[in-house]
Amino acid sequence: MVNDIIADSLTRLRNASMRRLEVTNLYYAKIVVSILEVFKTKGFVKDYNVNDKDGKQSISVQLAYDERGYPLINEIKRISKPGRRVYKGRSELKKFKNGYGTIVVSTSKGVIANEDAYRQNVGGEALCSIW
């Protein structure tokens, strides 16, 4: 059993990206689907599908690469961990890596990217960062 489903998913994405795999599989959780939706809108993953096999759900993720075959995910990190939650206010979410990166934030308005949280004037728990 996985204790931190988000960290496990990020590690699987990082490893698949380094090995330049086309598709990787993740355990299913609603929070992981929300994070993948942010990654998809930002262009870090092509697409994802929720699969149901024998009553167990999983997520199949297609990774994105540039025209030279290099992965679009340079670095992906878990910020807030089960033992140490990290919360950021609106002012701390303006830009990350000069706009090249994204912080995924869990807010009262859902799981959104840092730019959207800044525009909507909300802060929240910083789940992970990607660039």
Protein backbone atom coordinates (compact mmCIF):
# COMPACT_ATOMS: atom_id res chain seq x y z
CA MET A 1 0.00 0.00 0.00
CA VAL A 2 1.26 3.44 -0.95
CA ASN A 3 1.22 6.02 1.85
CA ASP A 4 1.69 9.10 -0.33
CA ILE A 5 -0.13 8.59 -3.64
CA ILE A 6 0.94 11.98 -5.00
CA ALA A 7 4.66 11.37 -4.38
CA ASP A 8 4.37 7.91 -5.94
CA SER A 9 2.67 9.35 -9.03
CA LEU A 10 5.26 12.11 -9.42
CA THR A 11 8.09 9.58 -9.09
CA ARG A 12 6.52 7.36 -11.75
CA LEU A 13 6.18 10.34 -14.09
CA ARG A 14 9.77 11.43 -13.43
CA ASN A 15 11.16 7.93 -14.04
CA ALA A 16 9.13 7.40 -17.21
CA SER A 17 10.23 10.79 -18.50
CA MET A 18 13.90 10.02 -17.87
CA ARG A 19 13.55 6.68 -19.67
CA ARG A 20 11.62 8.43 -22.47
CA LEU A 21 8.65 6.10 -22.27
CA GLU A 22 5.52 6.95 -24.24
CA VAL A 23 3.04 5.78 -21.59
CA THR A 24 3.17 5.13 -17.86
CA ASN A 25 0.57 3.83 -15.40
CA LEU A 26 -0.37 5.45 -12.08
CA TYR A 27 -2.59 4.44 -9.19
CA TYR A 28 -6.01 6.06 -9.30
CA ALA A 29 -6.98 8.87 -6.94
CA LYS A 30 -9.13 11.94 -7.54
CA ILE A 31 -6.31 14.25 -6.46
CA VAL A 32 -3.93 12.63 -8.98
CA VAL A 33 -6.50 13.17 -11.76
CA SER A 34 -6.78 16.83 -10.73
CA ILE A 35 -2.99 17.26 -10.83
CA LEU A 36 -2.82 15.54 -14.23
CA GLU A 37 -5.47 17.92 -15.54
CA VAL A 38 -3.23 20.86 -14.60
CA PHE A 39 -0.23 19.14 -16.23
CA LYS A 40 -2.29 18.55 -19.39
CA THR A 41 -3.41 22.18 -19.66
CA LYS A 42 0.20 23.33 -19.19
CA GLY A 43 1.45 20.86 -21.83
CA PHE A 44 3.63 18.61 -19.66
CA VAL A 45 1.57 15.50 -20.54
CA LYS A 46 -0.30 14.80 -23.77
CA ASP A 47 -3.29 12.98 -22.34
CA TYR A 48 -4.44 10.57 -19.65
CA ASN A 49 -7.14 7.91 -19.40
CA VAL A 50 -8.73 6.29 -16.37
CA ASN A 51 -8.84 2.50 -16.83
CA ASP A 52 -11.01 0.07 -14.90
CA LYS A 53 -9.67 -3.49 -14.87
CA ASP A 54 -11.16 -6.13 -12.56
CA GLY A 55 -12.63 -3.46 -10.29
CA LYS A 56 -9.29 -1.68 -9.82
CA GLN A 57 -8.83 1.69 -11.41
CA SER A 58 -5.56 3.00 -12.80
CA ILE A 59 -4.50 5.98 -14.86
CA SER A 60 -2.59 5.63 -18.11
CA VAL A 61 -0.60 8.80 -18.91
CA GLN A 62 0.90 9.73 -22.28
CA LEU A 63 4.02 11.83 -21.76
CA ALA A 64 4.88 14.85 -23.91
CA TYR A 65 8.19 15.37 -25.70
CA ASP A 66 9.53 18.19 -27.85
CA GLU A 67 10.38 17.91 -31.56
CA ARG A 68 13.92 16.66 -30.78
CA GLY A 69 12.60 13.90 -28.50
CA TYR A 70 13.57 15.54 -25.20
CA PRO A 71 11.05 15.27 -22.35
CA LEU A 72 9.12 18.43 -21.47
CA ILE A 73 9.40 17.53 -17.77
CA ASN A 74 12.81 18.77 -16.60
CA GLU A 75 12.11 18.55 -12.89
CA ILE A 76 9.10 17.49 -10.87
CA LYS A 77 9.04 17.78 -7.07
CA ARG A 78 6.66 17.17 -4.20
CA ILE A 79 6.46 20.32 -2.06
CA SER A 80 3.90 19.57 0.64
CA LYS A 81 4.44 16.18 2.25
CA PRO A 82 2.33 14.22 4.75
CA GLY A 83 4.75 15.06 7.56
CA ARG A 84 5.19 18.71 6.60
CA ARG A 85 2.40 20.62 4.90
CA VAL A 86 3.41 23.76 3.01
CA TYR A 87 0.88 26.54 2.49
CA LYS A 88 1.43 29.55 0.26
CA GLY A 89 -0.43 32.82 0.15
CA ARG A 90 -1.52 34.62 -2.99
CA SER A 91 1.59 36.81 -3.11
CA GLU A 92 3.92 33.78 -3.03
CA LEU A 93 2.24 32.22 -6.08
CA LYS A 94 2.85 34.91 -8.68
CA LYS A 95 5.61 33.29 -10.75
CA PHE A 96 7.71 30.15 -10.57
CA LYS A 97 10.93 29.74 -12.60
CA ASN A 98 10.19 33.04 -14.42
CA GLY A 99 6.93 31.66 -15.78
CA TYR A 100 8.46 28.48 -17.24
CA GLY A 101 7.38 26.34 -14.30
CA THR A 102 4.13 25.67 -12.51
CA ILE A 103 3.21 25.09 -8.90
CA VAL A 104 0.10 22.96 -8.43
CA VAL A 105 -1.96 24.38 -5.56
CA SER A 106 -4.89 22.85 -3.72
CA THR A 107 -7.25 25.74 -2.97
CA SER A 108 -10.82 26.21 -1.87
CA LYS A 109 -11.64 26.54 -5.59
CA GLY A 110 -10.07 23.20 -6.50
CA VAL A 111 -6.64 22.01 -7.61
CA ILE A 112 -5.27 24.72 -9.92
CA ALA A 113 -2.00 26.17 -11.23
CA ASN A 114 -0.23 28.99 -9.39
CA GLU A 115 -1.07 31.62 -12.05
CA ASP A 116 -4.76 30.78 -11.81
CA ALA A 117 -4.63 30.95 -8.00
CA TYR A 118 -2.95 34.35 -8.22
CA ARG A 119 -5.62 35.62 -10.65
CA GLN A 120 -8.44 34.26 -8.47
CA ASN A 121 -6.85 35.83 -5.37
CA VAL A 122 -6.57 32.59 -3.37
CA GLY A 123 -3.75 30.71 -1.68
CA GLY A 124 -3.56 27.12 -0.55
CA GLU A 125 -1.47 24.04 -0.09
CA ALA A 126 1.39 23.79 -2.59
CA LEU A 127 1.25 20.16 -3.72
CA CYS A 128 4.06 19.96 -6.29
CA SER A 129 6.13 21.92 -8.76
CA ILE A 130 7.03 21.10 -12.33
CA TRP A 131 9.13 22.75 -15.02
